[in-house]
Amino acid sequence: MKTRKMPDVISRILFGAVIFALAQLCAFAQSNTPCPRFPVGSTIIEPPSLFSQHGVLKVNLTYETIVDPDGNTRFCFMTPDGKQSPTLHVYPGDHLILNLTNSVPAPSTSSMAMTMPGTVCGTATMNSSSVNIHYHGANVSPTCHSDEVIHTLINSGETFKYDLAFPKDEPPGLYWYHPHVHGLAEAALLGGASGAIIVEGIEHLQPAVAGLPQRTLLIRDNPVPGNPTPGGPNDVPSWDVSLNYIPVPFPNFTPAVIPMKPNEKQLWRVVNASADTIIDLQLQFDGKPQPLAVVGLDGVPTGSQDGTRRGKIVTKSDILLAPAARAEFIVTGPGESVKNATFLTVNVNTGPVGDNDPTRPLARIQTSEDAPEPPLRIPAVFRKAHPQRFEGLESEEPVKHRKLYFSEVLSDPNNPLSPTNFFITVDGATPVLFDANNPPAIVTTQGSTEDWTIENRTLENHEFHFHQIHFLLLEQNGAPVHPQDRQFLDMIQVPFWSGTGLYPSVKVRMDFRGPDIGDFVYHCHILGHEDNGMMAIIRVQPHPGYFPKRKTQRRK
């Protein structure tokens, strides 16, 4: 079969596009400046990937910072060879061994005691350079040197070793990592310190993704230069956003570029890695919303935990992603007749005192028969799925029903300009600001299931997140959710209260049947709220007769 020579003009255009993309990548990777960013309007480049071998992924990262030309402080995780925020690929049952060195300069101010003797993990004092890592969504141990965030502190010049054992029944899907020092978490995320984790194997539960090119996209937020007042006639957002470190800045909102072949199917894996910004994803062709075939939410393949061990596609025209939420969905690229294909976030009403999260594009889809594909594909090899981690939860009888609520008050009621204190409280208890030395607000026992109702008694949205486990969404505002929305999540939005009538609420079933015991946390994942008190500790006590019921197959 003869190959047809490409016209010189097209050849030059494609050659130029390739050279431009390579130049972007090289400039990004070889920059001597920590925490580099791509130019506005750049073509999307996949985050660098690191893969486990023989059941282990060993990673060395440094935590670094720089002040950018706009005066914003950036933070990032870097590998020794200059990769920023690599995607970590593991399999169920793997170990992640991560050595983190804190290269953020030590502050001139003195440190303050963070934890009581006997609970120290790392160092005992906190300052503005302190960092740790939360492995968001992972169902791993909350003990020291694993996914422990209450007492773990790594200060300037220190190195700390994480050793996480992913369960053999960890759902395959999208997770992520980010700093979680209370009081510093918002600044770290606004600075860009975050990366994706992919637990491999989704194709065994959802064959529709097998063989598809996969694209990992991280949405981050950061301060708008000059800190203009949000809202108003110019619809100034509370925060700017970026896509894979390509800024989409106010006021022009110039989008990034995603190349695709016409009508090509791809699996997009999207993390809302924002500190504070709520995202409502939509794909529009010439202004018309397109169907998004959702195959995973918060790391769990949709519909996969009902005993069939086969995921179910949920078709959506938009996907609401609270800060820290994740979605995996199949996208069909635009045909040749489409003039304008846009991946965007639509306006989110966050309440009378909430942030301004306006409609704005994230990327434009640029179609070409010669468009480069993402570097990674989902394998087209199938294996019988092993028993799933949350199977049977829906039919479990909860041993406890609890009500919790979000609330907030001015720290000085007589001063309307004073900072706001944020709380998450068990109904009947006294609201308290989070402190690492607080006693647990809730104590439960390994092996139990509980139903929790979470109310929002404030005039802005809050985002409920639970560490170490997932929960099953049962009800919203007292009404059962549609069967396709009864998914296993670690993030759920509780909308704002109007000021009259019933408080908005969600009801979820908590799953404490796994092996994880000890102290961990739940909180609002708008990190400005979490940093200012909206977090609490739960203690899961060991059950003397606990024995895992689930059997899993060893990965071949």
Protein backbone atom coordinates (compact mmCIF):
# COMPACT_ATOMS: atom_id res chain seq x y z
CA MET A 1 0.00 0.00 0.00
CA LYS A 2 1.46 3.31 -1.06
CA THR A 3 1.66 6.21 1.33
CA ARG A 4 0.45 9.54 0.07
CA LYS A 5 2.84 12.44 0.43
CA MET A 6 1.55 15.12 2.74
CA PRO A 7 1.21 18.58 1.22
CA ASP A 8 4.17 20.79 2.17
CA VAL A 9 2.02 23.42 3.92
CA ILE A 10 0.28 20.86 6.14
CA SER A 11 3.58 19.14 6.80
CA ARG A 12 5.17 22.39 7.93
CA ILE A 13 2.19 23.20 10.15
CA LEU A 14 2.28 19.79 11.84
CA PHE A 15 6.04 19.91 12.17
CA GLY A 16 5.79 23.33 13.76
CA ALA A 17 3.11 22.14 16.17
CA VAL A 18 5.27 19.20 17.25
CA ILE A 19 8.31 21.41 17.72
CA PHE A 20 6.21 23.89 19.74
CA ALA A 21 4.89 21.13 22.00
CA LEU A 22 8.37 19.69 22.50
CA ALA A 23 9.71 23.15 23.26
CA GLN A 24 7.03 23.61 25.90
CA LEU A 25 7.88 20.28 27.48
CA CYS A 26 11.62 20.87 27.42
CA ALA A 27 11.30 24.38 28.84
CA PHE A 28 9.04 23.03 31.56
CA ALA A 29 11.24 20.08 32.45
CA GLN A 30 14.61 21.83 32.22
CA SER A 31 13.70 25.06 33.95
CA ASN A 32 16.02 25.91 36.80
CA THR A 33 13.14 27.64 38.51
CA PRO A 34 11.15 25.52 40.97
CA CYS A 35 7.47 24.95 40.29
CA PRO A 36 7.43 26.05 36.59
CA ARG A 37 4.21 26.79 34.68
CA PHE A 38 3.29 26.50 30.99
CA PRO A 39 2.37 29.59 28.93
CA VAL A 40 -1.27 30.63 28.66
CA GLY A 41 -2.98 28.87 25.74
CA SER A 42 -0.53 25.96 25.62
CA THR A 43 -1.35 22.48 24.37
CA ILE A 44 -2.05 20.03 27.17
CA ILE A 45 0.84 17.79 28.16
CA GLU A 46 0.31 14.70 30.27
CA PRO A 47 1.87 14.84 33.75
CA PRO A 48 5.02 12.69 33.99
CA SER A 49 4.25 9.13 35.11
CA LEU A 50 6.04 6.81 37.53
CA PHE A 51 5.13 3.09 37.61
CA SER A 52 5.45 0.42 40.27
CA GLN A 53 7.66 -2.57 39.56
CA HIS A 54 7.36 -5.97 41.21
CA GLY A 55 4.76 -4.65 43.63
CA VAL A 56 6.68 -1.54 44.76
CA LEU A 57 6.81 2.08 43.63
CA LYS A 58 9.77 3.97 45.09
CA VAL A 59 9.65 7.75 44.74
CA ASN A 60 11.90 10.55 45.97
CA LEU A 61 10.30 13.99 46.07
CA THR A 62 11.35 17.41 47.28
CA TYR A 63 8.85 20.02 48.46
CA GLU A 64 9.83 23.37 46.94
CA THR A 65 8.58 26.93 46.65
CA ILE A 66 9.06 30.16 44.73
CA VAL A 67 7.28 33.52 44.42
CA ASP A 68 6.05 34.02 40.85
CA PRO A 69 6.05 37.32 38.86
CA ASP A 70 2.49 38.07 40.02
CA GLY A 71 3.57 37.86 43.66
CA ASN A 72 1.83 34.52 44.28
CA THR A 73 3.68 31.85 46.25
CA ARG A 74 3.98 28.56 44.38
CA PHE A 75 4.58 25.18 46.00
CA CYS A 76 5.36 21.90 44.27
CA PHE A 77 6.68 18.37 44.54
CA MET A 78 9.73 17.67 42.33
CA THR A 79 11.64 14.48 41.51
CA PRO A 80 15.47 14.53 41.47
CA ASP A 81 15.43 14.64 37.66
CA GLY A 82 13.09 17.65 37.50
CA LYS A 83 9.66 16.08 37.07
CA GLN A 84 6.93 18.12 38.74
CA SER A 85 3.96 16.45 40.43
CA PRO A 86 4.34 13.04 38.77
CA THR A 87 1.36 10.72 38.45
CA LEU A 88 1.97 7.65 40.62
CA HIS A 89 0.77 4.38 39.06
CA VAL A 90 0.24 1.42 41.41
CA TYR A 91 -1.75 -1.81 41.45
CA PRO A 92 -3.97 -3.12 44.26
CA GLY A 93 -1.68 -4.77 46.79
CA ASP A 94 1.35 -2.61 45.91
CA HIS A 95 3.55 -0.65 48.29
CA LEU A 96 4.27 3.02 47.70
CA ILE A 97 7.55 4.05 49.33
CA LEU A 98 7.91 7.81 49.12
CA ASN A 99 10.80 9.77 50.60
CA LEU A 100 9.87 13.43 50.99
CA THR A 101 12.53 16.08 51.60
CA ASN A 102 11.32 19.53 52.61
CA SER A 103 13.35 22.09 50.65
CA VAL A 104 11.18 25.07 51.58
CA PRO A 105 13.40 27.62 53.38
CA ALA A 106 13.04 27.72 57.14
CA PRO A 107 11.15 30.77 58.43
CA SER A 108 12.79 33.35 60.63
CA THR A 109 9.90 33.14 63.11
CA SER A 110 9.91 30.58 65.88
CA SER A 111 8.01 27.29 65.72
CA MET A 112 5.01 26.40 67.84
CA ALA A 113 4.22 23.08 69.46
CA MET A 114 1.82 21.08 67.32
CA THR A 115 1.26 17.80 69.11
CA MET A 116 1.48 16.35 72.57
CA PRO A 117 4.37 14.03 73.52
CA GLY A 118 3.61 10.48 72.50
CA THR A 119 1.73 11.48 69.35
CA VAL A 120 4.64 13.01 67.42
CA CYS A 121 5.17 11.72 63.88
CA GLY A 122 8.16 13.41 62.27
CA THR A 123 8.86 16.58 64.22
CA ALA A 124 6.92 18.01 67.17
CA THR A 125 6.80 21.66 66.15
CA MET A 126 5.04 23.45 63.32
CA ASN A 127 6.10 26.53 61.37
CA SER A 128 5.25 28.07 58.02
CA SER A 129 7.59 25.65 56.21
CA SER A 130 5.89 22.51 57.56
CA VAL A 131 4.50 19.91 55.17
CA ASN A 132 3.12 16.38 55.05
CA ILE A 133 1.25 14.35 52.42
CA HIS A 134 -2.31 13.05 52.37
CA TYR A 135 -3.04 10.22 49.93
CA HIS A 136 -6.56 11.32 49.18
CA GLY A 137 -9.16 8.59 48.78
CA ALA A 138 -6.75 5.74 49.43
CA ASN A 139 -8.12 3.14 51.83
CA VAL A 140 -4.80 2.79 53.64
CA SER A 141 -3.67 2.85 57.25
CA PRO A 142 -3.81 6.17 59.18
CA THR A 143 -0.72 5.26 61.21
CA CYS A 144 2.57 7.16 61.29
CA HIS A 145 4.58 6.81 58.06
CA SER A 146 1.40 5.87 56.23
CA ASP A 147 -1.56 8.22 55.58
CA GLU A 148 -1.39 10.09 58.91
CA VAL A 149 -2.09 13.84 58.81
CA ILE A 150 -3.05 14.82 62.35
CA HIS A 151 0.42 14.71 63.91
CA THR A 152 2.82 14.31 60.94
CA LEU A 153 5.10 17.31 60.38
CA ILE A 154 8.16 17.59 58.13
CA ASN A 155 10.03 20.86 58.53
CA SER A 156 12.65 22.59 56.39
CA GLY A 157 15.69 20.40 55.70
CA GLU A 158 14.05 17.22 57.01
CA THR A 159 13.39 13.97 55.11
CA PHE A 160 10.51 11.67 55.96
CA LYS A 161 9.73 8.18 54.66
CA TYR A 162 6.19 7.11 53.74
CA ASP A 163 5.40 3.42 53.24
CA LEU A 164 1.81 2.85 52.14
CA ALA A 165 0.36 -0.60 51.63
CA PHE A 166 -2.51 -0.43 49.14
CA PRO A 167 -5.10 -3.12 49.92
CA LYS A 168 -5.50 -5.97 47.47
CA ASP A 169 -9.17 -4.96 47.13
CA GLU A 170 -8.45 -1.25 46.54
CA PRO A 171 -10.88 -0.07 43.84
CA PRO A 172 -9.07 0.71 40.58
CA GLY A 173 -9.36 4.36 39.70
CA LEU A 174 -8.21 7.92 40.30
CA TYR A 175 -6.80 9.18 43.60
CA TRP A 176 -4.40 12.03 44.38
CA TYR A 177 -1.85 13.41 46.86
CA HIS A 178 -1.41 16.82 48.46
CA PRO A 179 -0.15 18.54 51.65
CA HIS A 180 -2.45 18.42 54.68
CA VAL A 181 -0.88 20.42 57.54
CA HIS A 182 -3.79 22.08 59.34
CA GLY A 183 -3.55 25.84 58.87
CA LEU A 184 -1.27 25.56 55.81
CA ALA A 185 -3.26 23.28 53.51
CA GLU A 186 -5.03 26.03 51.56
CA ALA A 187 -1.82 27.90 50.76
CA ALA A 188 -0.08 24.71 49.61
CA LEU A 189 -2.93 23.77 47.26
CA LEU A 190 -3.29 27.32 45.92
CA GLY A 191 0.43 27.12 45.25
CA GLY A 192 -0.04 24.01 43.10
CA ALA A 193 1.39 21.22 45.27
CA SER A 194 -0.62 18.21 44.13
CA GLY A 195 -0.42 15.16 41.89
CA ALA A 196 -2.51 12.22 40.73
CA ILE A 197 -2.44 8.58 41.83
CA ILE A 198 -3.88 5.91 39.55
CA VAL A 199 -4.68 2.47 40.90
CA GLU A 200 -4.56 0.33 37.76
CA GLY A 201 -7.11 -2.23 36.61
CA ILE A 202 -10.32 -0.33 35.84
CA GLU A 203 -10.68 -2.29 32.59
CA HIS A 204 -11.38 -5.49 34.57
CA LEU A 205 -14.53 -3.90 36.00
CA GLN A 206 -15.47 -1.67 33.07
CA PRO A 207 -14.59 -3.22 29.67
CA ALA A 208 -15.81 -0.08 27.84
CA VAL A 209 -12.52 1.65 28.66
CA ALA A 210 -10.25 -1.17 27.47
CA GLY A 211 -7.78 0.01 24.85
CA LEU A 212 -8.76 3.69 25.07
CA PRO A 213 -6.16 6.47 25.17
CA GLN A 214 -6.26 7.97 28.67
CA ARG A 215 -5.75 11.58 29.62
CA THR A 216 -5.05 12.75 33.19
CA LEU A 217 -6.20 16.31 33.89
CA LEU A 218 -5.67 18.25 37.12
CA ILE A 219 -7.63 21.44 37.73
CA ARG A 220 -5.91 23.71 40.23
CA ASP A 221 -6.76 27.18 41.53
CA ASN A 222 -4.65 30.14 42.60
CA PRO A 223 -5.13 33.79 43.63
CA VAL A 224 -6.19 36.25 40.93
CA PRO A 225 -3.28 38.72 40.47
CA GLY A 226 -3.99 41.93 42.32
CA ASN A 227 -6.68 40.23 44.42
CA PRO A 228 -9.65 42.09 42.87
CA THR A 229 -12.97 41.87 44.67
CA PRO A 230 -14.82 38.74 43.45
CA GLY A 231 -18.09 39.13 41.55
CA GLY A 232 -19.32 42.52 40.48
CA PRO A 233 -20.05 43.62 36.92
CA ASN A 234 -16.86 41.97 35.61
CA ASP A 235 -17.72 38.61 37.23
CA VAL A 236 -14.30 38.38 38.83
CA PRO A 237 -13.74 34.82 40.08
CA SER A 238 -12.68 34.25 43.65
CA TRP A 239 -9.75 32.25 42.26
CA ASP A 240 -8.09 31.75 38.90
CA VAL A 241 -7.81 28.17 37.63
CA SER A 242 -5.32 26.16 35.59
CA LEU A 243 -5.37 22.85 33.71
CA ASN A 244 -2.23 20.72 34.01
CA TYR A 245 -0.34 23.86 35.03
CA ILE A 246 -1.58 25.84 32.02
CA PRO A 247 -3.14 29.03 33.46
CA VAL A 248 -6.65 30.07 32.40
CA PRO A 249 -6.47 33.58 33.88
CA PHE A 250 -9.05 36.32 34.40
CA PRO A 251 -10.17 38.36 32.50
CA ASN A 252 -9.59 36.75 29.10
CA PHE A 253 -9.90 33.10 30.24
CA THR A 254 -7.74 31.91 27.34
CA PRO A 255 -8.20 28.11 27.41
CA ALA A 256 -5.63 25.38 27.07
CA VAL A 257 -5.68 23.20 23.94
CA ILE A 258 -6.54 19.49 23.83
CA PRO A 259 -5.78 17.81 20.49
CA MET A 260 -8.04 14.94 19.38
CA LYS A 261 -8.81 13.02 16.22
CA PRO A 262 -12.37 13.61 14.96
CA ASN A 263 -14.88 11.40 16.79
CA GLU A 264 -12.07 9.78 18.80
CA LYS A 265 -12.96 8.16 22.13
CA GLN A 266 -10.69 8.82 25.10
CA LEU A 267 -10.86 8.15 28.84
CA TRP A 268 -10.43 11.40 30.73
CA ARG A 269 -9.42 11.18 34.40
CA VAL A 270 -10.05 14.55 36.05
CA VAL A 271 -9.02 15.69 39.54
CA ASN A 272 -10.41 18.88 41.01
CA ALA A 273 -7.15 19.64 42.82
CA SER A 274 -8.39 23.11 43.78
CA ALA A 275 -8.07 24.42 47.31
CA ASP A 276 -11.42 26.22 47.23
CA THR A 277 -13.00 26.26 43.76
CA ILE A 278 -16.04 24.13 42.95
CA ILE A 279 -16.04 22.86 39.37
CA ASP A 280 -19.03 21.81 37.24
CA LEU A 281 -17.60 20.13 34.15
CA GLN A 282 -19.26 20.22 30.77
CA LEU A 283 -18.22 19.50 27.20
CA GLN A 284 -19.96 21.69 24.61
CA PHE A 285 -19.98 21.38 20.83
CA ASP A 286 -21.10 24.66 19.28
CA GLY A 287 -22.71 25.56 22.60
CA LYS A 288 -24.58 22.26 23.04
CA PRO A 289 -23.71 20.04 26.06
CA GLN A 290 -22.42 16.60 25.11
CA PRO A 291 -22.96 13.30 26.95
CA LEU A 292 -20.16 12.26 29.30
CA ALA A 293 -20.03 8.52 29.98
CA VAL A 294 -18.97 8.36 33.64
CA VAL A 295 -17.14 5.18 34.60
CA GLY A 296 -15.62 6.20 37.95
CA LEU A 297 -16.16 8.66 40.80
CA ASP A 298 -13.71 9.31 43.63
CA GLY A 299 -11.62 6.30 42.63
CA VAL A 300 -14.46 3.75 42.55
CA PRO A 301 -15.82 2.42 39.22
CA THR A 302 -19.50 3.41 39.09
CA GLY A 303 -21.94 0.64 39.94
CA SER A 304 -19.14 -1.85 40.61
CA GLN A 305 -19.83 -2.65 44.27
CA ASP A 306 -23.18 -4.46 43.94
CA GLY A 307 -21.73 -7.97 43.83
CA THR A 308 -21.67 -8.30 40.04
CA ARG A 309 -18.11 -6.89 39.90
CA ARG A 310 -19.00 -5.11 36.72
CA GLY A 311 -19.15 -1.33 36.47
CA LYS A 312 -22.14 0.53 35.04
CA ILE A 313 -21.80 3.62 32.86
CA VAL A 314 -23.65 6.70 34.14
CA THR A 315 -24.33 9.27 31.42
CA LYS A 316 -24.21 12.93 32.49
CA SER A 317 -24.41 16.26 30.69
CA ASP A 318 -22.35 17.87 33.47
CA ILE A 319 -20.29 16.55 36.40
CA LEU A 320 -20.14 18.53 39.64
CA LEU A 321 -16.72 18.19 41.26
CA ALA A 322 -16.29 19.51 44.77
CA PRO A 323 -12.72 20.48 45.63
CA ALA A 324 -10.82 17.14 45.83
CA ALA A 325 -13.47 15.12 43.94
CA ARG A 326 -12.51 13.05 40.91
CA ALA A 327 -14.36 11.80 37.85
CA GLU A 328 -13.37 9.36 35.12
CA PHE A 329 -15.43 9.44 31.94
CA ILE A 330 -15.36 8.51 28.28
CA VAL A 331 -15.32 11.46 25.90
CA THR A 332 -16.13 11.29 22.20
CA GLY A 333 -14.31 14.00 20.30
CA PRO A 334 -16.07 16.44 17.97
CA GLY A 335 -16.75 15.58 14.36
CA GLU A 336 -15.42 17.63 11.49
CA SER A 337 -18.61 19.72 11.29
CA VAL A 338 -18.16 21.11 14.82
CA LYS A 339 -16.76 24.63 14.77
CA ASN A 340 -16.27 25.22 18.50
CA ALA A 341 -15.62 22.40 21.00
CA THR A 342 -15.05 23.59 24.56
CA PHE A 343 -14.32 21.79 27.83
CA LEU A 344 -15.50 24.17 30.54
CA THR A 345 -16.78 24.67 34.03
CA VAL A 346 -20.23 26.21 34.29
CA ASN A 347 -21.30 28.67 36.96
CA VAL A 348 -21.76 27.27 40.48
CA ASN A 349 -24.03 29.11 42.91
CA THR A 350 -22.15 28.71 46.19
CA GLY A 351 -24.53 30.77 48.33
CA PRO A 352 -24.90 34.37 49.54
CA VAL A 353 -21.55 34.35 51.37
CA GLY A 354 -19.78 31.79 49.17
CA ASP A 355 -17.09 32.16 46.53
CA ASN A 356 -17.70 33.29 42.96
CA ASP A 357 -17.17 30.26 40.68
CA PRO A 358 -18.27 31.56 37.26
CA THR A 359 -18.61 29.87 33.89
CA ARG A 360 -15.23 29.78 32.12
CA PRO A 361 -13.49 27.57 29.57
CA LEU A 362 -10.76 25.16 30.59
CA ALA A 363 -9.71 23.90 27.17
CA ARG A 364 -10.72 24.00 23.54
CA ILE A 365 -10.70 20.74 21.59
CA GLN A 366 -8.62 21.01 18.43
CA THR A 367 -9.38 18.21 15.97
CA SER A 368 -7.07 16.83 13.33
CA GLU A 369 -6.67 13.41 11.69
CA ASP A 370 -3.03 13.60 12.74
CA ALA A 371 -3.63 14.79 16.30
CA PRO A 372 -1.18 13.16 18.72
CA GLU A 373 -2.73 10.75 21.20
CA PRO A 374 -2.01 10.78 24.91
CA PRO A 375 1.07 8.66 25.68
CA LEU A 376 -0.81 6.05 27.74
CA ARG A 377 -3.61 3.65 26.88
CA ILE A 378 -5.81 1.51 29.07
CA PRO A 379 -4.74 -2.12 28.55
CA ALA A 380 -7.06 -4.30 26.48
CA VAL A 381 -6.33 -7.35 28.62
CA PHE A 382 -9.09 -8.68 30.86
CA ARG A 383 -8.90 -10.53 34.15
CA LYS A 384 -11.70 -11.79 36.34
CA ALA A 385 -12.41 -9.08 38.90
CA HIS A 386 -11.68 -9.93 42.51
CA PRO A 387 -14.20 -9.25 45.31
CA GLN A 388 -14.70 -5.53 45.72
CA ARG A 389 -13.94 -3.55 48.86
CA PHE A 390 -17.42 -2.14 49.52
CA GLU A 391 -19.57 -5.07 48.41
CA GLY A 392 -22.66 -5.62 50.53
CA LEU A 393 -22.62 -2.21 52.22
CA GLU A 394 -26.02 -1.20 50.85
CA SER A 395 -27.72 -4.21 52.50
CA GLU A 396 -25.89 -3.84 55.83
CA GLU A 397 -27.94 -2.79 58.84
CA PRO A 398 -26.28 0.31 60.34
CA VAL A 399 -25.40 -0.02 64.02
CA LYS A 400 -25.56 3.72 64.62
CA HIS A 401 -27.33 6.80 63.21
CA ARG A 402 -25.60 10.15 63.69
CA LYS A 403 -26.33 13.75 62.69
CA LEU A 404 -23.52 16.25 62.06
CA TYR A 405 -23.70 19.82 60.86
CA PHE A 406 -21.57 22.56 59.34
CA SER A 407 -21.71 25.99 61.00
CA GLU A 408 -19.71 29.21 61.03
CA VAL A 409 -19.57 32.40 63.09
CA LEU A 410 -17.47 35.53 63.20
CA SER A 411 -14.60 35.19 65.64
CA ASP A 412 -15.65 38.59 67.00
CA PRO A 413 -19.45 39.00 66.67
CA ASN A 414 -19.07 42.75 67.25
CA ASN A 415 -16.66 43.16 64.34
CA PRO A 416 -18.07 42.26 60.90
CA LEU A 417 -14.53 42.30 59.48
CA SER A 418 -13.16 39.74 61.94
CA PRO A 419 -12.13 36.28 60.64
CA THR A 420 -14.75 33.55 60.43
CA ASN A 421 -14.52 30.44 62.58
CA PHE A 422 -15.73 27.24 60.90
CA PHE A 423 -17.07 24.12 62.63
CA ILE A 424 -18.23 20.60 61.91
CA THR A 425 -20.11 19.28 64.93
CA VAL A 426 -21.94 16.18 66.09
CA ASP A 427 -25.49 17.27 66.82
CA GLY A 428 -25.84 17.92 70.56
CA ALA A 429 -22.14 18.62 71.15
CA THR A 430 -20.53 22.05 71.53
CA PRO A 431 -18.88 23.39 68.34
CA VAL A 432 -15.09 23.49 68.69
CA LEU A 433 -12.34 24.54 66.32
CA PHE A 434 -10.07 21.74 65.20
CA ASP A 435 -6.93 21.14 67.21
CA ALA A 436 -4.59 18.19 66.72
CA ASN A 437 -4.78 17.52 70.45
CA ASN A 438 -8.59 17.43 70.57
CA PRO A 439 -10.12 14.15 71.71
CA PRO A 440 -12.03 12.24 69.04
CA ALA A 441 -15.44 13.73 68.30
CA ILE A 442 -16.70 10.25 67.34
CA VAL A 443 -15.59 6.80 68.48
CA THR A 444 -16.70 3.68 66.61
CA THR A 445 -15.62 0.06 66.24
CA GLN A 446 -13.99 -1.76 63.37
CA GLY A 447 -16.43 -3.89 61.42
CA SER A 448 -19.40 -1.58 61.95
CA THR A 449 -21.50 0.41 59.50
CA GLU A 450 -23.19 3.69 60.38
CA ASP A 451 -25.61 6.09 58.71
CA TRP A 452 -24.67 9.76 58.98
CA THR A 453 -26.79 12.76 58.09
CA ILE A 454 -24.74 15.91 57.45
CA GLU A 455 -26.57 19.25 57.48
CA ASN A 456 -25.40 22.63 56.23
CA ARG A 457 -26.58 25.41 58.55
CA THR A 458 -24.65 28.16 56.75
CA LEU A 459 -25.19 30.50 53.80
CA GLU A 460 -22.46 28.93 51.65
CA ASN A 461 -21.64 25.50 50.26
CA HIS A 462 -19.56 23.00 52.20
CA GLU A 463 -17.85 19.85 50.94
CA PHE A 464 -17.79 16.78 53.21
CA HIS A 465 -14.69 14.58 52.95
CA PHE A 466 -13.79 11.50 54.95
CA HIS A 467 -10.29 10.03 55.20
CA GLN A 468 -9.40 6.31 54.96
CA ILE A 469 -12.83 5.04 53.85
CA HIS A 470 -15.58 5.69 51.31
CA PHE A 471 -19.28 6.12 51.98
CA LEU A 472 -22.42 5.28 50.02
CA LEU A 473 -24.67 8.22 49.10
CA LEU A 474 -28.24 7.40 50.17
CA GLU A 475 -30.30 10.60 50.41
CA GLN A 476 -30.23 14.30 49.62
CA ASN A 477 -32.52 16.65 51.55
CA GLY A 478 -34.34 13.68 53.05
CA ALA A 479 -35.22 12.04 49.71
CA PRO A 480 -33.57 8.89 48.33
CA VAL A 481 -31.17 9.63 45.48
CA HIS A 482 -31.72 8.17 42.02
CA PRO A 483 -30.24 4.64 41.77
CA GLN A 484 -27.52 5.81 39.37
CA ASP A 485 -26.41 8.37 41.97
CA ARG A 486 -26.06 5.79 44.77
CA GLN A 487 -22.31 5.71 44.35
CA PHE A 488 -19.34 5.19 46.67
CA LEU A 489 -17.62 8.51 47.31
CA ASP A 490 -15.16 10.22 49.61
CA MET A 491 -16.48 13.71 48.70
CA ILE A 492 -20.02 15.10 48.72
CA GLN A 493 -21.29 18.66 48.47
CA VAL A 494 -23.86 19.90 50.99
CA PRO A 495 -25.43 23.02 49.41
CA PHE A 496 -25.96 26.30 51.23
CA TRP A 497 -28.96 27.09 53.42
CA SER A 498 -31.29 29.79 52.11
CA GLY A 499 -31.80 31.27 55.59
CA THR A 500 -35.30 29.86 56.02
CA GLY A 501 -36.84 26.40 56.08
CA LEU A 502 -35.10 23.06 56.42
CA TYR A 503 -31.33 22.78 56.33
CA PRO A 504 -29.91 21.11 53.20
CA SER A 505 -28.54 17.67 54.02
CA VAL A 506 -27.09 14.44 52.72
CA LYS A 507 -27.36 10.97 54.24
CA VAL A 508 -24.48 8.55 53.73
CA ARG A 509 -23.60 5.04 54.89
CA MET A 510 -20.14 4.83 56.43
CA ASP A 511 -18.12 1.65 55.94
CA PHE A 512 -15.83 0.76 58.86
CA ARG A 513 -15.61 -2.92 57.85
CA GLY A 514 -12.06 -2.60 56.51
CA PRO A 515 -8.76 -3.16 58.33
CA ASP A 516 -7.99 0.52 59.05
CA ILE A 517 -8.07 1.43 62.73
CA GLY A 518 -6.85 4.41 64.74
CA ASP A 519 -7.44 8.16 64.57
CA PHE A 520 -8.15 10.03 61.36
CA VAL A 521 -10.25 12.99 60.25
CA TYR A 522 -13.29 14.27 58.38
CA HIS A 523 -13.68 17.87 57.25
CA CYS A 524 -14.88 20.39 54.70
CA HIS A 525 -12.59 20.24 51.67
CA ILE A 526 -12.89 23.93 50.92
CA LEU A 527 -9.49 24.28 52.53
CA GLY A 528 -10.00 27.86 53.65
CA HIS A 529 -12.76 26.42 55.84
CA GLU A 530 -10.75 23.39 57.00
CA ASP A 531 -7.73 25.55 57.91
CA ASN A 532 -10.00 27.74 60.00
CA GLY A 533 -11.46 24.96 62.12
CA MET A 534 -13.91 22.83 60.08
CA MET A 535 -12.35 19.43 60.82
CA ALA A 536 -12.70 16.76 63.52
CA ILE A 537 -11.18 13.44 64.58
CA ILE A 538 -12.79 10.01 64.51
CA ARG A 539 -11.32 7.01 66.32
CA VAL A 540 -11.95 3.51 64.99
CA GLN A 541 -11.23 1.03 67.75
CA PRO A 542 -10.07 -2.49 66.88
CA HIS A 543 -12.61 -5.28 67.12
CA PRO A 544 -11.11 -8.26 68.98
CA GLY A 545 -12.89 -10.70 66.70
CA TYR A 546 -12.18 -8.84 63.45
CA PHE A 547 -11.24 -10.97 60.50
CA PRO A 548 -11.43 -9.80 56.89
CA LYS A 549 -14.26 -11.57 55.10
CA ARG A 550 -13.20 -10.72 51.58
CA LYS A 551 -10.91 -12.92 49.56
CA THR A 552 -8.91 -11.44 46.73
CA GLN A 553 -6.99 -12.84 43.81
CA ARG A 554 -3.28 -12.23 43.64
CA ARG A 555 -2.28 -10.07 40.70
CA LYS A 556 -0.52 -12.12 38.05
